[in-house]
Amino acid sequence: MPFYSVLAVTPVTESWIADYIPAAGALVAKHGGRYLARTANHQTLEGDGQLAALRVVIEWPSKEAAHAFMNDPDYEPQLQARTDGSLSHHVLIEGKDDMAN
């Protein structure tokens, strides 16, 4: 069953971005993930809050793959750079419909 990472990212400095994008992209692919969206072109349709500059959606083949990516020692410096250089929120969503009959 697929899982989806949904990130809201607002950089507070841009010094980390040029190194982060290719390194994180390679690690996403290493763990079987693929980017569905990486964009500043988004709008809030309902509610307040999380006015992020960027939205990112990554599809993973499993929850384990997403956790393996986040826990990969090669990702640690990239994660540190992103968290130090941005305000970020990252949620993992299971790709199923719990409300379907």
N, C-alpha and C. Protein backbone atom coordinates (compact mmCIF):
# COMPACT_ATOMS: atom_id res chain seq x y z
N MET A 1 0.84 -1.18 0.00
CA MET A 1 0.00 0.00 0.00
C MET A 1 0.88 1.24 0.00
N PRO A 2 0.60 2.21 -0.87
CA PRO A 2 1.43 3.41 -0.90
C PRO A 2 1.18 4.31 0.30
N PHE A 3 2.19 5.08 0.62
CA PHE A 3 2.11 6.14 1.63
C PHE A 3 2.60 7.42 0.98
N TYR A 4 2.14 8.54 1.51
CA TYR A 4 2.48 9.83 0.92
C TYR A 4 3.05 10.75 1.99
N SER A 5 4.23 11.29 1.71
CA SER A 5 4.79 12.37 2.53
C SER A 5 4.25 13.67 1.98
N VAL A 6 3.72 14.50 2.87
CA VAL A 6 3.24 15.83 2.50
C VAL A 6 3.99 16.82 3.37
N LEU A 7 4.76 17.69 2.72
CA LEU A 7 5.58 18.66 3.43
C LEU A 7 5.15 20.08 3.11
N ALA A 8 5.20 20.92 4.11
CA ALA A 8 5.03 22.36 3.97
C ALA A 8 6.36 22.96 4.42
N VAL A 9 7.02 23.69 3.54
CA VAL A 9 8.37 24.18 3.81
C VAL A 9 8.44 25.68 3.51
N THR A 10 8.89 26.45 4.49
CA THR A 10 9.16 27.87 4.29
C THR A 10 10.62 28.12 4.64
N PRO A 11 11.47 28.31 3.64
CA PRO A 11 12.88 28.58 3.93
C PRO A 11 13.04 29.90 4.69
N VAL A 12 13.93 29.89 5.69
CA VAL A 12 14.31 31.12 6.38
C VAL A 12 15.68 31.59 5.91
N THR A 13 16.39 30.70 5.24
CA THR A 13 17.63 31.00 4.54
C THR A 13 17.67 30.09 3.32
N GLU A 14 18.35 30.51 2.28
CA GLU A 14 18.38 29.69 1.06
C GLU A 14 19.71 28.99 0.85
N SER A 15 20.64 29.12 1.78
CA SER A 15 21.99 28.58 1.59
C SER A 15 22.01 27.06 1.50
N TRP A 16 21.06 26.37 2.03
CA TRP A 16 21.02 24.91 2.07
C TRP A 16 20.36 24.29 0.83
N ILE A 17 19.57 25.07 0.10
CA ILE A 17 18.69 24.51 -0.92
C ILE A 17 19.44 23.88 -2.10
N ALA A 18 20.47 24.54 -2.60
CA ALA A 18 21.18 24.03 -3.79
C ALA A 18 21.80 22.66 -3.55
N ASP A 19 22.30 22.41 -2.34
CA ASP A 19 22.86 21.10 -2.01
C ASP A 19 21.77 20.09 -1.66
N TYR A 20 20.71 20.56 -1.03
CA TYR A 20 19.65 19.68 -0.54
C TYR A 20 18.90 18.98 -1.67
N ILE A 21 18.51 19.73 -2.69
CA ILE A 21 17.63 19.18 -3.73
C ILE A 21 18.21 17.94 -4.41
N PRO A 22 19.43 17.97 -4.93
CA PRO A 22 19.94 16.75 -5.58
C PRO A 22 20.21 15.62 -4.60
N ALA A 23 20.72 15.95 -3.41
CA ALA A 23 21.04 14.90 -2.43
C ALA A 23 19.77 14.22 -1.93
N ALA A 24 18.76 15.00 -1.56
CA ALA A 24 17.50 14.43 -1.09
C ALA A 24 16.81 13.66 -2.21
N GLY A 25 16.86 14.19 -3.42
CA GLY A 25 16.23 13.50 -4.56
C GLY A 25 16.82 12.12 -4.79
N ALA A 26 18.14 12.01 -4.69
CA ALA A 26 18.79 10.71 -4.87
C ALA A 26 18.38 9.74 -3.77
N LEU A 27 18.24 10.24 -2.54
CA LEU A 27 17.86 9.37 -1.43
C LEU A 27 16.38 8.97 -1.49
N VAL A 28 15.54 9.88 -1.96
CA VAL A 28 14.13 9.52 -2.17
C VAL A 28 14.05 8.35 -3.15
N ALA A 29 14.77 8.46 -4.27
CA ALA A 29 14.78 7.39 -5.28
C ALA A 29 15.37 6.10 -4.72
N LYS A 30 16.43 6.22 -3.93
CA LYS A 30 17.08 5.04 -3.33
C LYS A 30 16.07 4.23 -2.51
N HIS A 31 15.13 4.91 -1.86
CA HIS A 31 14.16 4.24 -1.00
C HIS A 31 12.83 3.98 -1.70
N GLY A 32 12.82 4.11 -3.03
CA GLY A 32 11.63 3.76 -3.80
C GLY A 32 10.58 4.85 -3.89
N GLY A 33 10.92 6.04 -3.43
CA GLY A 33 9.96 7.14 -3.49
C GLY A 33 10.03 7.88 -4.81
N ARG A 34 8.97 8.65 -5.07
CA ARG A 34 8.99 9.52 -6.25
C ARG A 34 8.21 10.78 -5.92
N TYR A 35 8.75 11.89 -6.41
CA TYR A 35 8.09 13.17 -6.19
C TYR A 35 6.85 13.28 -7.07
N LEU A 36 5.74 13.63 -6.47
CA LEU A 36 4.52 13.94 -7.22
C LEU A 36 4.38 15.44 -7.40
N ALA A 37 4.93 16.20 -6.45
CA ALA A 37 4.90 17.67 -6.54
C ALA A 37 6.01 18.25 -5.69
N ARG A 38 6.67 19.28 -6.22
CA ARG A 38 7.61 20.14 -5.49
C ARG A 38 7.38 21.53 -6.07
N THR A 39 6.58 22.33 -5.39
CA THR A 39 6.12 23.56 -6.03
C THR A 39 5.83 24.69 -5.04
N ALA A 40 6.02 25.89 -5.53
CA ALA A 40 5.58 27.09 -4.81
C ALA A 40 4.20 27.53 -5.32
N ASN A 41 3.67 26.83 -6.32
CA ASN A 41 2.39 27.17 -6.92
C ASN A 41 1.29 26.36 -6.22
N HIS A 42 0.74 26.92 -5.17
CA HIS A 42 -0.34 26.27 -4.40
C HIS A 42 -1.19 27.36 -3.77
N GLN A 43 -2.38 26.98 -3.38
CA GLN A 43 -3.25 27.94 -2.70
C GLN A 43 -4.09 27.22 -1.66
N THR A 44 -4.40 27.95 -0.59
CA THR A 44 -5.26 27.42 0.46
C THR A 44 -6.71 27.59 0.02
N LEU A 45 -7.44 26.50 0.00
CA LEU A 45 -8.85 26.54 -0.38
C LEU A 45 -9.77 26.63 0.83
N GLU A 46 -9.27 26.21 1.99
CA GLU A 46 -10.10 26.21 3.18
C GLU A 46 -9.21 26.29 4.41
N GLY A 47 -9.65 27.04 5.43
CA GLY A 47 -8.96 27.09 6.70
C GLY A 47 -7.82 28.09 6.74
N ASP A 48 -7.24 28.20 7.93
CA ASP A 48 -6.13 29.11 8.18
C ASP A 48 -4.90 28.30 8.55
N GLY A 49 -3.76 28.96 8.50
CA GLY A 49 -2.53 28.34 8.98
C GLY A 49 -1.71 27.70 7.89
N GLN A 50 -0.50 27.33 8.26
CA GLN A 50 0.49 26.69 7.38
C GLN A 50 0.59 27.38 6.03
N LEU A 51 0.90 28.66 6.06
CA LEU A 51 1.09 29.42 4.83
C LEU A 51 2.51 29.20 4.33
N ALA A 52 2.80 28.00 3.90
CA ALA A 52 4.15 27.60 3.49
C ALA A 52 4.49 28.14 2.12
N ALA A 53 5.78 28.41 1.93
CA ALA A 53 6.27 28.86 0.62
C ALA A 53 6.25 27.72 -0.39
N LEU A 54 6.58 26.52 0.06
CA LEU A 54 6.70 25.36 -0.82
C LEU A 54 5.84 24.21 -0.30
N ARG A 55 5.32 23.43 -1.21
CA ARG A 55 4.62 22.19 -0.87
C ARG A 55 5.29 21.06 -1.63
N VAL A 56 5.48 19.95 -0.93
CA VAL A 56 6.14 18.78 -1.51
C VAL A 56 5.28 17.56 -1.22
N VAL A 57 5.07 16.73 -2.23
CA VAL A 57 4.35 15.47 -2.06
C VAL A 57 5.23 14.36 -2.65
N ILE A 58 5.50 13.35 -1.82
CA ILE A 58 6.32 12.21 -2.23
C ILE A 58 5.49 10.95 -2.05
N GLU A 59 5.46 10.10 -3.06
CA GLU A 59 4.79 8.80 -2.96
C GLU A 59 5.83 7.75 -2.60
N TRP A 60 5.52 6.94 -1.59
CA TRP A 60 6.39 5.85 -1.14
C TRP A 60 5.69 4.52 -1.39
N PRO A 61 6.44 3.45 -1.65
CA PRO A 61 5.81 2.15 -1.84
C PRO A 61 5.25 1.56 -0.55
N SER A 62 5.73 2.07 0.60
CA SER A 62 5.29 1.54 1.89
C SER A 62 5.66 2.52 2.99
N LYS A 63 5.07 2.33 4.16
CA LYS A 63 5.43 3.12 5.33
C LYS A 63 6.89 2.87 5.70
N GLU A 64 7.31 1.63 5.57
CA GLU A 64 8.70 1.28 5.91
C GLU A 64 9.70 2.02 5.03
N ALA A 65 9.37 2.19 3.75
CA ALA A 65 10.26 2.91 2.84
C ALA A 65 10.39 4.37 3.26
N ALA A 66 9.29 4.99 3.66
CA ALA A 66 9.34 6.38 4.12
C ALA A 66 10.19 6.51 5.37
N HIS A 67 10.01 5.58 6.30
CA HIS A 67 10.81 5.63 7.53
C HIS A 67 12.28 5.32 7.25
N ALA A 68 12.54 4.43 6.32
CA ALA A 68 13.94 4.12 5.96
C ALA A 68 14.61 5.36 5.38
N PHE A 69 13.90 6.12 4.56
CA PHE A 69 14.43 7.38 4.03
C PHE A 69 14.74 8.34 5.17
N MET A 70 13.78 8.57 6.05
CA MET A 70 13.98 9.53 7.14
C MET A 70 15.10 9.11 8.08
N ASN A 71 15.32 7.81 8.23
CA ASN A 71 16.35 7.30 9.15
C ASN A 71 17.66 6.96 8.47
N ASP A 72 17.76 7.20 7.17
CA ASP A 72 19.00 6.91 6.43
C ASP A 72 20.11 7.83 6.93
N PRO A 73 21.24 7.28 7.37
CA PRO A 73 22.34 8.13 7.85
C PRO A 73 22.82 9.12 6.80
N ASP A 74 22.67 8.78 5.52
CA ASP A 74 23.07 9.72 4.46
C ASP A 74 22.12 10.91 4.36
N TYR A 75 20.90 10.76 4.89
CA TYR A 75 19.95 11.87 4.87
C TYR A 75 20.13 12.81 6.06
N GLU A 76 20.76 12.35 7.11
CA GLU A 76 20.91 13.14 8.34
C GLU A 76 21.43 14.56 8.08
N PRO A 77 22.52 14.74 7.31
CA PRO A 77 22.98 16.12 7.10
C PRO A 77 22.00 16.96 6.28
N GLN A 78 21.26 16.32 5.37
CA GLN A 78 20.27 17.05 4.58
C GLN A 78 19.08 17.45 5.45
N LEU A 79 18.63 16.53 6.29
CA LEU A 79 17.53 16.82 7.20
C LEU A 79 17.92 17.95 8.14
N GLN A 80 19.13 17.89 8.67
CA GLN A 80 19.60 18.94 9.58
C GLN A 80 19.64 20.29 8.86
N ALA A 81 20.13 20.30 7.64
CA ALA A 81 20.18 21.55 6.86
C ALA A 81 18.78 22.10 6.62
N ARG A 82 17.83 21.21 6.28
CA ARG A 82 16.45 21.67 6.03
C ARG A 82 15.80 22.19 7.29
N THR A 83 15.96 21.47 8.40
CA THR A 83 15.31 21.91 9.63
C THR A 83 15.96 23.18 10.19
N ASP A 84 17.28 23.33 9.99
CA ASP A 84 17.95 24.56 10.43
C ASP A 84 17.61 25.74 9.53
N GLY A 85 17.36 25.48 8.25
CA GLY A 85 17.17 26.55 7.28
C GLY A 85 15.75 26.81 6.87
N SER A 86 14.79 26.18 7.55
CA SER A 86 13.39 26.39 7.17
C SER A 86 12.45 26.10 8.33
N LEU A 87 11.23 26.52 8.17
CA LEU A 87 10.13 26.07 9.02
C LEU A 87 9.43 25.00 8.21
N SER A 88 9.39 23.79 8.74
CA SER A 88 8.88 22.65 7.97
C SER A 88 7.90 21.83 8.79
N HIS A 89 6.92 21.29 8.09
CA HIS A 89 5.99 20.31 8.65
C HIS A 89 5.95 19.14 7.68
N HIS A 90 6.05 17.92 8.21
CA HIS A 90 6.09 16.72 7.37
C HIS A 90 5.13 15.71 7.98
N VAL A 91 4.13 15.32 7.21
CA VAL A 91 3.20 14.28 7.65
C VAL A 91 3.25 13.12 6.67
N LEU A 92 3.02 11.93 7.17
CA LEU A 92 2.97 10.72 6.36
C LEU A 92 1.53 10.21 6.36
N ILE A 93 0.98 10.03 5.16
CA ILE A 93 -0.43 9.66 5.01
C ILE A 93 -0.52 8.31 4.30
N GLU A 94 -1.31 7.41 4.87
CA GLU A 94 -1.54 6.12 4.23
C GLU A 94 -2.47 6.31 3.04
N GLY A 95 -2.14 5.66 1.92
CA GLY A 95 -2.91 5.81 0.69
C GLY A 95 -4.12 4.89 0.66
N LYS A 96 -5.07 5.13 1.55
CA LYS A 96 -6.30 4.34 1.54
C LYS A 96 -7.45 5.22 1.98
N ASP A 97 -8.65 4.78 1.72
CA ASP A 97 -9.85 5.52 2.06
C ASP A 97 -10.56 4.81 3.21
N ASP A 98 -10.35 5.30 4.43
CA ASP A 98 -10.99 4.70 5.60
C ASP A 98 -12.49 4.99 5.67
N MET A 99 -12.96 5.92 4.86
CA MET A 99 -14.37 6.30 4.89
C MET A 99 -15.20 5.58 3.84
N ALA A 100 -14.57 4.82 2.95
CA ALA A 100 -15.31 4.10 1.91
C ALA A 100 -16.07 2.94 2.54
N ASN A 101 -17.19 2.63 1.96
CA ASN A 101 -18.00 1.51 2.48
C ASN A 101 -17.48 0.20 1.98
